[in-house]
C-alpha atoms as a PDB file:
ATOM      1  CA  UNK A   1       0.000   0.000   0.000  1.00  0.00           C
ATOM      2  CA  UNK A   2       1.434   3.416  -0.933  1.00  0.00           C
ATOM      3  CA  UNK A   3       0.514   6.835   0.261  1.00  0.00           C
ATOM      4  CA  UNK A   4       2.031  10.240  -0.437  1.00  0.00           C
ATOM      5  CA  UNK A   5       2.440  12.190   2.758  1.00  0.00           C
ATOM      6  CA  UNK A   6       3.879  15.219   4.530  1.00  0.00           C
ATOM      7  CA  UNK A   7       3.931  13.864   8.077  1.00  0.00           C
ATOM      8  CA  UNK A   8       7.108  14.245  10.097  1.00  0.00           C
ATOM      9  CA  UNK A   9       7.098  11.391  12.589  1.00  0.00           C
ATOM     10  CA  UNK A  10       9.013  11.738  15.821  1.00  0.00           C
ATOM     11  CA  UNK A  11      10.247   8.339  16.925  1.00  0.00           C
ATOM     12  CA  UNK A  12      10.520   7.615  20.629  1.00  0.00           C
ATOM     13  CA  UNK A  13      13.243   5.023  20.154  1.00  0.00           C
ATOM     14  CA  UNK A  14      16.590   5.146  18.416  1.00  0.00           C
ATOM     15  CA  UNK A  15      16.637   3.664  14.947  1.00  0.00           C
ATOM     16  CA  UNK A  16      18.622   0.573  14.121  1.00  0.00           C
ATOM     17  CA  UNK A  17      20.059  -0.225  10.720  1.00  0.00           C
ATOM     18  CA  UNK A  18      20.311  -3.910   9.807  1.00  0.00           C
ATOM     19  CA  UNK A  19      22.679  -5.127   7.155  1.00  0.00           C
ATOM     20  CA  UNK A  20      24.245  -2.471   4.980  1.00  0.00           C
ATOM     21  CA  UNK A  21      22.325   0.403   6.516  1.00  0.00           C
ATOM     22  CA  UNK A  22      19.898   0.781   3.612  1.00  0.00           C
ATOM     23  CA  UNK A  23      16.936   0.199   5.929  1.00  0.00           C
ATOM     24  CA  UNK A  24      16.556   1.453   9.490  1.00  0.00           C
ATOM     25  CA  UNK A  25      13.940   0.006  11.818  1.00  0.00           C
ATOM     26  CA  UNK A  26      12.409   1.805  14.777  1.00  0.00           C
ATOM     27  CA  UNK A  27       9.492   1.520  17.190  1.00  0.00           C
ATOM     28  CA  UNK A  28       6.783   4.157  16.802  1.00  0.00           C
ATOM     29  CA  UNK A  29       6.170   4.335  20.564  1.00  0.00           C
ATOM     30  CA  UNK A  30       7.601   2.927  23.769  1.00  0.00           C
ATOM     31  CA  UNK A  31       4.749   0.412  23.832  1.00  0.00           C
ATOM     32  CA  UNK A  32       6.239  -1.529  20.917  1.00  0.00           C
ATOM     33  CA  UNK A  33       8.428  -4.280  22.434  1.00  0.00           C
ATOM     34  CA  UNK A  34      12.115  -4.303  21.563  1.00  0.00           C
ATOM     35  CA  UNK A  35      11.821  -7.957  20.545  1.00  0.00           C
ATOM     36  CA  UNK A  36       9.163  -7.017  17.980  1.00  0.00           C
ATOM     37  CA  UNK A  37      11.545  -4.494  16.428  1.00  0.00           C
ATOM     38  CA  UNK A  38      14.252  -7.157  16.432  1.00  0.00           C
ATOM     39  CA  UNK A  39      11.946  -9.581  14.578  1.00  0.00           C
ATOM     40  CA  UNK A  40      11.350  -6.980  11.893  1.00  0.00           C
ATOM     41  CA  UNK A  41      15.089  -6.301  11.630  1.00  0.00           C
ATOM     42  CA  UNK A  42      15.766 -10.000  11.139  1.00  0.00           C
ATOM     43  CA  UNK A  43      13.449 -10.066   8.102  1.00  0.00           C
ATOM     44  CA  UNK A  44      14.858  -6.983   6.371  1.00  0.00           C
ATOM     45  CA  UNK A  45      17.845  -8.648   4.708  1.00  0.00           C
ATOM     46  CA  UNK A  46      15.871 -11.690   3.434  1.00  0.00           C
ATOM     47  CA  UNK A  47      13.243  -9.342   2.023  1.00  0.00           C
ATOM     48  CA  UNK A  48      15.900  -7.288   0.244  1.00  0.00           C
ATOM     49  CA  UNK A  49      17.476 -10.456  -1.169  1.00  0.00           C
ATOM     50  CA  UNK A  50      14.093 -11.433  -2.591  1.00  0.00           C
ATOM     51  CA  UNK A  51      14.058  -8.189  -4.552  1.00  0.00           C
ATOM     52  CA  UNK A  52      17.750  -8.147  -5.504  1.00  0.00           C
ATOM     53  CA  UNK A  53      17.084  -9.593  -9.012  1.00  0.00           C
ATOM     54  CA  UNK A  54      14.754  -6.680  -9.783  1.00  0.00           C
ATOM     55  CA  UNK A  55      16.259  -3.611  -8.111  1.00  0.00           C
ATOM     56  CA  UNK A  56      19.824  -2.385  -7.721  1.00  0.00           C
ATOM     57  CA  UNK A  57      19.820  -2.032  -3.939  1.00  0.00           C
ATOM     58  CA  UNK A  58      23.369  -0.700  -3.886  1.00  0.00           C
ATOM     59  CA  UNK A  59      22.193   2.522  -5.534  1.00  0.00           C
ATOM     60  CA  UNK A  60      19.048   2.922  -3.447  1.00  0.00           C
ATOM     61  CA  UNK A  61      18.488   5.786  -1.049  1.00  0.00           C
ATOM     62  CA  UNK A  62      18.178   4.725   2.616  1.00  0.00           C
ATOM     63  CA  UNK A  63      14.660   4.483   4.035  1.00  0.00           C
ATOM     64  CA  UNK A  64      13.118   3.421   7.324  1.00  0.00           C
ATOM     65  CA  UNK A  65      10.512   1.073   8.702  1.00  0.00           C
ATOM     66  CA  UNK A  66       8.400   2.335  11.599  1.00  0.00           C
ATOM     67  CA  UNK A  67       6.840  -0.426  13.698  1.00  0.00           C
ATOM     68  CA  UNK A  68       3.415   0.130  15.281  1.00  0.00           C
ATOM     69  CA  UNK A  69       1.433  -2.133  17.592  1.00  0.00           C
ATOM     70  CA  UNK A  70      -1.530  -2.003  15.227  1.00  0.00           C
ATOM     71  CA  UNK A  71      -3.761   0.193  13.127  1.00  0.00           C
ATOM     72  CA  UNK A  72      -5.791   1.188  16.183  1.00  0.00           C
ATOM     73  CA  UNK A  73      -2.647   2.731  17.721  1.00  0.00           C
ATOM     74  CA  UNK A  74      -1.825   5.027  14.799  1.00  0.00           C
ATOM     75  CA  UNK A  75      -1.918   8.781  15.431  1.00  0.00           C
ATOM     76  CA  UNK A  76      -4.783  10.569  13.638  1.00  0.00           C
ATOM     77  CA  UNK A  77      -2.747  11.760  10.637  1.00  0.00           C
ATOM     78  CA  UNK A  78      -1.393   8.272   9.962  1.00  0.00           C
ATOM     79  CA  UNK A  79      -4.715   6.609  10.737  1.00  0.00           C
ATOM     80  CA  UNK A  80      -6.328   8.640   7.946  1.00  0.00           C
ATOM     81  CA  UNK A  81      -3.827   7.097   5.510  1.00  0.00           C
ATOM     82  CA  UNK A  82      -4.281   3.506   6.644  1.00  0.00           C
ATOM     83  CA  UNK A  83      -6.790   1.127   5.054  1.00  0.00           C
ATOM     84  CA  UNK A  84      -8.386  -1.007   7.753  1.00  0.00           C
ATOM     85  CA  UNK A  85      -6.883  -4.491   7.779  1.00  0.00           C
ATOM     86  CA  UNK A  86      -3.803  -3.541   5.763  1.00  0.00           C
ATOM     87  CA  UNK A  87      -0.566  -4.684   7.466  1.00  0.00           C
ATOM     88  CA  UNK A  88       1.530  -1.836   6.115  1.00  0.00           C
ATOM     89  CA  UNK A  89       1.767   1.268   3.982  1.00  0.00           C
ATOM     90  CA  UNK A  90       4.505   3.426   2.507  1.00  0.00           C
ATOM     91  CA  UNK A  91       4.830   7.205   2.527  1.00  0.00           C
ATOM     92  CA  UNK A  92       7.030   7.675  -0.517  1.00  0.00           C
ATOM     93  CA  UNK A  93       7.681  11.368  -0.033  1.00  0.00           C
ATOM     94  CA  UNK A  94       9.175  10.567   3.384  1.00  0.00           C
ATOM     95  CA  UNK A  95      10.889   7.308   2.381  1.00  0.00           C
ATOM     96  CA  UNK A  96       8.968   5.723   5.243  1.00  0.00           C
ATOM     97  CA  UNK A  97       7.227   2.381   5.640  1.00  0.00           C
ATOM     98  CA  UNK A  98       4.752   1.876   8.468  1.00  0.00           C
ATOM     99  CA  UNK A  99       4.194  -1.636   9.709  1.00  0.00           C
ATOM    100  CA  UNK A 100       1.222  -2.729  11.867  1.00  0.00           C
ATOM    101  CA  UNK A 101       2.062  -5.788  13.980  1.00  0.00           C
ATOM    102  CA  UNK A 102      -1.542  -6.677  14.836  1.00  0.00           C
ATOM    103  CA  UNK A 103      -2.531  -6.694  11.163  1.00  0.00           C
ATOM    104  CA  UNK A 104       0.579  -8.680  10.234  1.00  0.00           C
ATOM    105  CA  UNK A 105      -0.392 -11.305  12.816  1.00  0.00           C
ATOM    106  CA  UNK A 106      -4.000 -11.372  11.581  1.00  0.00           C
ATOM    107  CA  UNK A 107      -2.767 -11.864   8.021  1.00  0.00           C
ATOM    108  CA  UNK A 108      -1.172 -15.124   9.135  1.00  0.00           C
ATOM    109  CA  UNK A 109       1.620 -15.123   6.536  1.00  0.00           C
ATOM    110  CA  UNK A 110       4.388 -13.522   8.547  1.00  0.00           C
ATOM    111  CA  UNK A 111       6.476 -10.399   8.217  1.00  0.00           C
ATOM    112  CA  UNK A 112       8.485 -11.135   5.088  1.00  0.00           C
ATOM    113  CA  UNK A 113       5.758 -10.864   2.424  1.00  0.00           C
ATOM    114  CA  UNK A 114       4.611  -7.595   3.970  1.00  0.00           C
ATOM    115  CA  UNK A 115       8.140  -6.177   3.988  1.00  0.00           C
ATOM    116  CA  UNK A 116       8.744  -7.312   0.399  1.00  0.00           C
ATOM    117  CA  UNK A 117       5.456  -5.696  -0.644  1.00  0.00           C
ATOM    118  CA  UNK A 118       6.265  -2.376   0.991  1.00  0.00           C
ATOM    119  CA  UNK A 119       9.906  -2.442  -0.142  1.00  0.00           C
ATOM    120  CA  UNK A 120       8.684  -2.773  -3.747  1.00  0.00           C
ATOM    121  CA  UNK A 121       6.819   0.525  -3.387  1.00  0.00           C
ATOM    122  CA  UNK A 122       9.900   2.310  -2.086  1.00  0.00           C
ATOM    123  CA  UNK A 123      12.397   0.755  -4.506  1.00  0.00           C
ATOM    124  CA  UNK A 124      10.128   1.173  -7.538  1.00  0.00           C
ATOM    125  CA  UNK A 125       9.663   4.834  -6.670  1.00  0.00           C
ATOM    126  CA  UNK A 126      13.425   5.279  -6.404  1.00  0.00           C
ATOM    127  CA  UNK A 127      14.082   3.304  -9.603  1.00  0.00           C
ATOM    128  CA  UNK A 128      11.852   5.702 -11.525  1.00  0.00           C
ATOM    129  CA  UNK A 129      13.608   8.738 -10.095  1.00  0.00           C
ATOM    130  CA  UNK A 130      11.829  12.058 -10.322  1.00  0.00           C
ATOM    131  CA  UNK A 131       9.110  10.398 -12.420  1.00  0.00           C
ATOM    132  CA  UNK A 132       8.223   7.934  -9.669  1.00  0.00           C
ATOM    133  CA  UNK A 133       5.086   9.902  -8.805  1.00  0.00           C
ATOM    134  CA  UNK A 134       3.836   9.294 -12.354  1.00  0.00           C
ATOM    135  CA  UNK A 135       3.537   5.538 -11.822  1.00  0.00           C
ATOM    136  CA  UNK A 136      -0.156   4.638 -11.369  1.00  0.00           C
ATOM    137  CA  UNK A 137      -1.378   3.283  -8.071  1.00  0.00           C
ATOM    138  CA  UNK A 138      -2.691   0.096  -9.711  1.00  0.00           C
ATOM    139  CA  UNK A 139       0.772  -0.676 -11.122  1.00  0.00           C
ATOM    140  CA  UNK A 140       2.438  -0.075  -7.754  1.00  0.00           C
ATOM    141  CA  UNK A 141       0.029  -2.372  -5.910  1.00  0.00           C
ATOM    142  CA  UNK A 142       0.002  -4.979  -8.648  1.00  0.00           C
ATOM    143  CA  UNK A 143       3.797  -5.228  -8.818  1.00  0.00           C
ATOM    144  CA  UNK A 144       4.152  -5.223  -5.011  1.00  0.00           C
ATOM    145  CA  UNK A 145       1.763  -8.147  -4.671  1.00  0.00           C
ATOM    146  CA  UNK A 146       3.220 -10.021  -7.641  1.00  0.00           C
ATOM    147  CA  UNK A 147       6.830  -9.837  -6.416  1.00  0.00           C
ATOM    148  CA  UNK A 148       5.819 -10.547  -2.811  1.00  0.00           C
ATOM    149  CA  UNK A 149       3.853 -13.608  -3.913  1.00  0.00           C
ATOM    150  CA  UNK A 150       1.014 -12.539  -1.660  1.00  0.00           C
ATOM    151  CA  UNK A 151      -1.998 -10.234  -1.761  1.00  0.00           C
ATOM    152  CA  UNK A 152      -3.462  -7.665   0.610  1.00  0.00           C
ATOM    153  CA  UNK A 153      -6.937  -7.682   2.151  1.00  0.00           C
ATOM    154  CA  UNK A 154      -7.751 -11.201   0.976  1.00  0.00           C
ATOM    155  CA  UNK A 155      -7.649 -10.202  -2.682  1.00  0.00           C
ATOM    156  CA  UNK A 156      -7.745 -13.044  -5.219  1.00  0.00           C
ATOM    157  CA  UNK A 157      -8.521 -13.665  -8.869  1.00  0.00           C
ATOM    158  CA  UNK A 158     -11.561 -15.679  -7.803  1.00  0.00           C
ATOM    159  CA  UNK A 159     -12.940 -12.409  -6.454  1.00  0.00           C
ATOM    160  CA  UNK A 160     -12.917 -10.741  -9.887  1.00  0.00           C
ATOM    161  CA  UNK A 161     -13.270 -13.550 -12.427  1.00  0.00           C
ATOM    162  CA  UNK A 162     -17.049 -13.100 -12.771  1.00  0.00           C
ATOM    163  CA  UNK A 163     -16.581  -9.347 -13.045  1.00  0.00           C
ATOM    164  CA  UNK A 164     -14.182  -9.998 -15.916  1.00  0.00           C
ATOM    165  CA  UNK A 165     -16.615 -12.396 -17.574  1.00  0.00           C
ATOM    166  CA  UNK A 166     -19.448  -9.845 -17.386  1.00  0.00           C
ATOM    167  CA  UNK A 167     -17.353  -6.756 -18.163  1.00  0.00           C
ATOM    168  CA  UNK A 168     -17.757  -5.263 -14.691  1.00  0.00           C
ATOM    169  CA  UNK A 169     -14.118  -4.689 -13.781  1.00  0.00           C
ATOM    170  CA  UNK A 170     -13.051  -1.342 -12.365  1.00  0.00           C
ATOM    171  CA  UNK A 171     -11.666   1.006 -15.043  1.00  0.00           C
ATOM    172  CA  UNK A 172      -7.907   1.256 -14.609  1.00  0.00           C
ATOM    173  CA  UNK A 173      -7.991   5.019 -15.129  1.00  0.00           C
ATOM    174  CA  UNK A 174     -10.028   5.230 -11.900  1.00  0.00           C
ATOM    175  CA  UNK A 175      -7.213   3.442 -10.050  1.00  0.00           C
ATOM    176  CA  UNK A 176      -4.359   5.675 -11.149  1.00  0.00           C
ATOM    177  CA  UNK A 177      -4.206   8.054  -8.185  1.00  0.00           C
ATOM    178  CA  UNK A 178      -6.141   6.313  -5.429  1.00  0.00           C
ATOM    179  CA  UNK A 179      -8.143   3.210  -4.641  1.00  0.00           C
ATOM    180  CA  UNK A 180     -11.827   3.174  -3.640  1.00  0.00           C
ATOM    181  CA  UNK A 181     -12.702   3.470   0.055  1.00  0.00           C
ATOM    182  CA  UNK A 182     -15.337   0.755   0.499  1.00  0.00           C
ATOM    183  CA  UNK A 183     -13.901  -2.564   1.814  1.00  0.00           C
ATOM    184  CA  UNK A 184     -15.305  -4.665  -1.029  1.00  0.00           C
ATOM    185  CA  UNK A 185     -14.343  -2.243  -3.801  1.00  0.00           C
ATOM    186  CA  UNK A 186     -10.908  -1.811  -2.207  1.00  0.00           C
ATOM    187  CA  UNK A 187     -10.296  -5.569  -2.202  1.00  0.00           C
ATOM    188  CA  UNK A 188     -11.441  -5.747  -5.838  1.00  0.00           C
ATOM    189  CA  UNK A 189      -8.965  -2.988  -6.741  1.00  0.00           C
ATOM    190  CA  UNK A 190      -6.128  -4.920  -5.111  1.00  0.00           C
ATOM    191  CA  UNK A 191      -7.220  -8.159  -6.813  1.00  0.00           C
ATOM    192  CA  UNK A 192      -7.532  -6.552 -10.240  1.00  0.00           C
ATOM    193  CA  UNK A 193      -4.135  -4.828  -9.961  1.00  0.00           C
ATOM    194  CA  UNK A 194      -2.501  -8.047  -8.801  1.00  0.00           C
ATOM    195  CA  UNK A 195      -4.040 -10.123 -11.569  1.00  0.00           C
ATOM    196  CA  UNK A 196      -3.136  -7.790 -14.434  1.00  0.00           C
ATOM    197  CA  UNK A 197       0.438  -7.017 -13.362  1.00  0.00           C
ATOM    198  CA  UNK A 198       1.110 -10.669 -12.478  1.00  0.00           C
ATOM    199  CA  UNK A 199      -0.062 -11.603 -15.960  1.00  0.00           C
ATOM    200  CA  UNK A 200       2.281  -8.989 -17.450  1.00  0.00           C
ATOM    201  CA  UNK A 201       5.202 -10.356 -15.423  1.00  0.00           C
ATOM    202  CA  UNK A 202       4.444 -13.924 -16.541  1.00  0.00           C
ATOM    203  CA  UNK A 203       3.969 -13.086 -20.202  1.00  0.00           C
ATOM    204  CA  UNK A 204       6.550 -10.328 -20.673  1.00  0.00           C
ATOM    205  CA  UNK A 205       9.018 -10.962 -17.858  1.00  0.00           C
ATOM    206  CA  UNK A 206       9.793  -8.892 -14.779  1.00  0.00           C
ATOM    207  CA  UNK A 207      12.705  -7.097 -16.473  1.00  0.00           C
ATOM    208  CA  UNK A 208      10.520  -5.764 -19.279  1.00  0.00           C
ATOM    209  CA  UNK A 209       7.744  -4.768 -16.870  1.00  0.00           C
ATOM    210  CA  UNK A 210      10.229  -2.790 -14.761  1.00  0.00           C
ATOM    211  CA  UNK A 211      11.759  -1.276 -17.900  1.00  0.00           C
ATOM    212  CA  UNK A 212       8.275  -0.067 -18.856  1.00  0.00           C
ATOM    213  CA  UNK A 213       8.002   1.690 -15.489  1.00  0.00           C
ATOM    214  CA  UNK A 214      11.454   3.257 -15.847  1.00  0.00           C
ATOM    215  CA  UNK A 215      10.493   4.571 -19.294  1.00  0.00           C
ATOM    216  CA  UNK A 216       7.795   6.802 -17.813  1.00  0.00           C
ATOM    217  CA  UNK A 217       8.642  10.501 -17.961  1.00  0.00           C
ATOM    218  CA  UNK A 218       6.976  13.870 -18.395  1.00  0.00           C
ATOM    219  CA  UNK A 219       5.919  13.006 -21.928  1.00  0.00           C
ATOM    220  CA  UNK A 220       5.417   9.256 -21.604  1.00  0.00           C
ATOM    221  CA  UNK A 221       2.679   7.724 -19.495  1.00  0.00           C
ATOM    222  CA  UNK A 222       2.846   4.142 -18.273  1.00  0.00           C
ATOM    223  CA  UNK A 223       0.214   3.165 -20.837  1.00  0.00           C
ATOM    224  CA  UNK A 224       2.296   4.704 -23.639  1.00  0.00           C
ATOM    225  CA  UNK A 225       5.456   2.978 -22.407  1.00  0.00           C
ATOM    226  CA  UNK A 226       3.558  -0.309 -22.251  1.00  0.00           C
ATOM    227  CA  UNK A 227       2.294   0.079 -25.816  1.00  0.00           C
ATOM    228  CA  UNK A 228       5.768   0.883 -27.120  1.00  0.00           C
ATOM    229  CA  UNK A 229       7.361  -2.054 -25.328  1.00  0.00           C
ATOM    230  CA  UNK A 230       4.764  -4.703 -26.179  1.00  0.00           C
ATOM    231  CA  UNK A 231       3.662  -3.469 -29.596  1.00  0.00           C
ATOM    232  CA  UNK A 232       0.031  -3.872 -28.495  1.00  0.00           C
ATOM    233  CA  UNK A 233      -2.609  -1.343 -27.574  1.00  0.00           C
ATOM    234  CA  UNK A 234      -3.780  -1.144 -23.982  1.00  0.00           C
ATOM    235  CA  UNK A 235      -7.186  -2.378 -25.137  1.00  0.00           C
ATOM    236  CA  UNK A 236      -5.581  -5.460 -26.702  1.00  0.00           C
ATOM    237  CA  UNK A 237      -3.496  -6.098 -23.570  1.00  0.00           C
ATOM    238  CA  UNK A 238      -6.526  -5.775 -21.315  1.00  0.00           C
ATOM    239  CA  UNK A 239      -8.542  -8.075 -23.554  1.00  0.00           C
ATOM    240  CA  UNK A 240      -5.797 -10.727 -23.561  1.00  0.00           C
ATOM    241  CA  UNK A 241      -5.495 -10.504 -19.780  1.00  0.00           C
ATOM    242  CA  UNK A 242      -9.266 -10.805 -19.266  1.00  0.00           C
ATOM    243  CA  UNK A 243      -9.353 -13.819 -21.567  1.00  0.00           C
ATOM    244  CA  UNK A 244      -6.590 -15.468 -19.540  1.00  0.00           C
ATOM    245  CA  UNK A 245      -8.317 -14.613 -16.278  1.00  0.00           C
ATOM    246  CA  UNK A 246     -11.641 -16.101 -17.350  1.00  0.00           C
ATOM    247  CA  UNK A 247     -10.437 -19.070 -19.409  1.00  0.00           C
ATOM    248  CA  UNK A 248      -6.825 -19.791 -18.563  1.00  0.00           C
ATOM    249  CA  UNK A 249      -6.126 -18.915 -14.938  1.00  0.00           C
ATOM    250  CA  UNK A 250      -8.332 -21.540 -13.297  1.00  0.00           C
ATOM    251  CA  UNK A 251      -9.938 -18.794 -11.216  1.00  0.00           C
ATOM    252  CA  UNK A 252     -13.405 -19.626 -12.539  1.00  0.00           C
ATOM    253  CA  UNK A 253     -13.097 -23.256 -11.436  1.00  0.00           C
ATOM    254  CA  UNK A 254     -11.697 -22.245  -8.055  1.00  0.00           C
ATOM    255  CA  UNK A 255     -14.555 -19.810  -7.575  1.00  0.00           C
ATOM    256  CA  UNK A 256     -17.098 -22.450  -8.605  1.00  0.00           C
ATOM    257  CA  UNK A 257     -15.630 -25.012  -6.232  1.00  0.00           C
ATOM    258  CA  UNK A 258     -15.619 -22.497  -3.416  1.00  0.00           C
ATOM    259  CA  UNK A 259     -19.216 -21.517  -4.104  1.00  0.00           C
ATOM    260  CA  UNK A 260     -20.218 -25.168  -4.496  1.00  0.00           C
ATOM    261  CA  UNK A 261     -18.678 -25.979  -1.124  1.00  0.00           C
ATOM    262  CA  UNK A 262     -20.461 -23.037   0.477  1.00  0.00           C
ATOM    263  CA  UNK A 263     -23.724 -23.981  -1.241  1.00  0.00           C
ATOM    264  CA  UNK A 264     -23.268 -27.585  -0.148  1.00  0.00           C
ATOM    265  CA  UNK A 265     -22.954 -26.439   3.421  1.00  0.00           C
ATOM    266  CA  UNK A 266     -26.104 -24.351   3.078  1.00  0.00           C
ATOM    267  CA  UNK A 267     -28.020 -27.259   1.542  1.00  0.00           C
ATOM    268  CA  UNK A 268     -26.661 -29.638   4.128  1.00  0.00           C
ATOM    269  CA  UNK A 269     -27.861 -27.568   7.056  1.00  0.00           C
ATOM    270  CA  UNK A 270     -31.561 -28.604   6.719  1.00  0.00           C
ATOM    271  CA  UNK A 271     -30.499 -32.265   6.460  1.00  0.00           C
ATOM    272  CA  UNK A 272     -28.356 -31.913   9.565  1.00  0.00           C
ATOM    273  CA  UNK A 273     -31.209 -30.134  11.340  1.00  0.00           C
ATOM    274  CA  UNK A 274     -33.662 -32.936  10.499  1.00  0.00           C
ATOM    275  CA  UNK A 275     -31.149 -35.554  11.605  1.00  0.00           C
ATOM    276  CA  UNK A 276     -30.573 -33.662  14.847  1.00  0.00           C
ATOM    277  CA  UNK A 277     -34.310 -33.383  15.480  1.00  0.00           C
ATOM    278  CA  UNK A 278     -34.758 -37.115  14.844  1.00  0.00           C
ATOM    279  CA  UNK A 279     -31.834 -37.920  17.111  1.00  0.00           C
ATOM    280  CA  UNK A 280     -33.220 -35.704  19.866  1.00  0.00           C
ATOM    281  CA  UNK A 281     -36.643 -37.334  19.452  1.00  0.00           C
ATOM    282  CA  UNK A 282     -35.115 -40.821  19.627  1.00  0.00           C
ATOM    283  CA  UNK A 283     -33.144 -39.827  22.715  1.00  0.00           C
ATOM    284  CA  UNK A 284     -36.310 -38.464  24.316  1.00  0.00           C
ATOM    285  CA  UNK A 285     -38.230 -41.685  23.568  1.00  0.00           C
ATOM    286  CA  UNK A 286     -35.406 -43.786  24.967  1.00  0.00           C
ATOM    287  CA  UNK A 287     -35.248 -41.601  28.051  1.00  0.00           C
ATOM    288  CA  UNK A 288     -39.017 -41.858  28.563  1.00  0.00           C
ATOM    289  CA  UNK A 289     -38.837 -45.646  28.218  1.00  0.00           C
ATOM    290  CA  UNK A 290     -36.064 -45.807  30.768  1.00  0.00           C
ATOM    291  CA  UNK A 291     -38.029 -43.638  33.191  1.00  0.00           C
ATOM    292  CA  UNK A 292     -41.124 -45.861  32.704  1.00  0.00           C
ATOM    293  CA  UNK A 293     -39.092 -49.005  33.215  1.00  0.00           C
ATOM    294  CA  UNK A 294     -37.535 -47.629  36.372  1.00  0.00           C
ATOM    295  CA  UNK A 295     -40.964 -46.561  37.627  1.00  0.00           C
ATOM    296  CA  UNK A 296     -42.447 -49.993  36.880  1.00  0.00           C
ATOM    297  CA  UNK A 297     -39.535 -51.688  38.624  1.00  0.00           C
ATOM    298  CA  UNK A 298     -40.045 -49.447  41.633  1.00  0.00           C
ATOM    299  CA  UNK A 299     -43.760 -50.233  41.732  1.00  0.00           C
ATOM    300  CA  UNK A 300     -43.069 -53.957  41.389  1.00  0.00           C
ATOM    301  CA  UNK A 301     -40.537 -53.796  44.191  1.00  0.00           C
ATOM    302  CA  UNK A 302     -43.014 -51.944  46.406  1.00  0.00           C
ATOM    303  CA  UNK A 303     -45.752 -54.503  45.674  1.00  0.00           C
ATOM    304  CA  UNK A 304     -43.382 -57.387  46.383  1.00  0.00           C
ATOM    305  CA  UNK A 305     -42.348 -55.828  49.673  1.00  0.00           C
ATOM    306  CA  UNK A 306     -45.985 -55.311  50.671  1.00  0.00           C
ATOM    307  CA  UNK A 307     -46.797 -58.917  49.758  1.00  0.00           C
ATOM    308  CA  UNK A 308     -43.910 -60.208  51.855  1.00  0.00           C
ATOM    309  CA  UNK A 309     -45.054 -58.125  54.835  1.00  0.00           C
ATOM    310  CA  UNK A 310     -48.612 -59.535  54.512  1.00  0.00           C
ATOM    311  CA  UNK A 311     -47.357 -63.134  54.422  1.00  0.00           C
ATOM    312  CA  UNK A 312     -45.228 -62.523  57.502  1.00  0.00           C
ATOM    313  CA  UNK A 313     -48.206 -61.241  59.490  1.00  0.00           C
ATOM    314  CA  UNK A 314     -50.298 -64.407  58.824  1.00  0.00           C
ATOM    315  CA  UNK A 315     -47.465 -66.726  59.660  1.00  0.00           C
ATOM    316  CA  UNK A 316     -46.794 -64.923  62.937  1.00  0.00           C
ATOM    317  CA  UNK A 317     -50.418 -65.053  64.367  1.00  0.00           C
ATOM    318  CA  UNK A 318     -51.060 -66.811  67.828  1.00  0.00           C
ATOM    319  CA  UNK A 319     -51.958 -70.590  67.663  1.00  0.00           C
ATOM    320  CA  UNK A 320     -55.431 -71.713  68.802  1.00  0.00           C
ATOM    321  CA  UNK A 321     -55.746 -72.860  72.518  1.00  0.00           C
ATOM    322  CA  UNK A 322     -57.424 -76.114  73.549  1.00  0.00           C
ATOM    323  CA  UNK A 323     -61.006 -75.699  74.700  1.00  0.00           C
ATOM    324  CA  UNK A 324     -61.692 -72.805  72.518  1.00  0.00           C
ATOM    325  CA  UNK A 325     -63.951 -75.006  70.405  1.00  0.00           C
END
């Protein structure tokens, strides 16, 4: 996630620079444990190595990672920049990455994919120099997710395959400067960006895709650079991508299987309810029979005891005396 910004953040803790000093890591407040900062530091070098084939890290300008407890702990100015549920965001104008530990934990995939994702934003911006701000938001987010091998906010191609099939995708020109605010539309924007840029990387190669970004300048938009490099119009590229998404990616089958499983659960619920009702009824009948049997046994025992007492009374009566007749 990328955000332009003008915030000057005062860190309460001293920064620490792992590795070659390209990246410094610091806690946002004293509440962030030192061991949490250390865990982030330990993942910086592996994340940079992941991106080494794509970016020349030795020429990159230093930047920093600010570690927060979670999105709920962000100060108001940063909170306004953060999409709920997102584990991180970058402020390119400050060369700052903000990492939310609670959201990273909720994501369940660990720190490294998040760091790789956010590092892509920073390194791509630097690779494009003064024209970095001309790179569309959808390209930034698509490339970050593609190179990280992970998506943000649960985005997936299954989420957009039916939109592609029915021509209801978001227009890319609407995703150039910012993404939509609504949770569903935001996830769709991430999914669409990921799918298209991932397809470009697979079909054209990461080197060409990055060269397209570096070709952007005051007179050349990303779309123009893409047309020049591929020899195809943007309309043709979008059409080829949509065709792959609908017919070649397997997303339609994955979506169908997911929906079938969900539908199966819905259809199975009445069956399970009937079975449960029958089981409860059978248990009730069995319980009633047991109670009746116990009651009958108790009554039989009481009758037997009464009968034994009556027999004892007759046997114990006084014998007749002579002369009584």
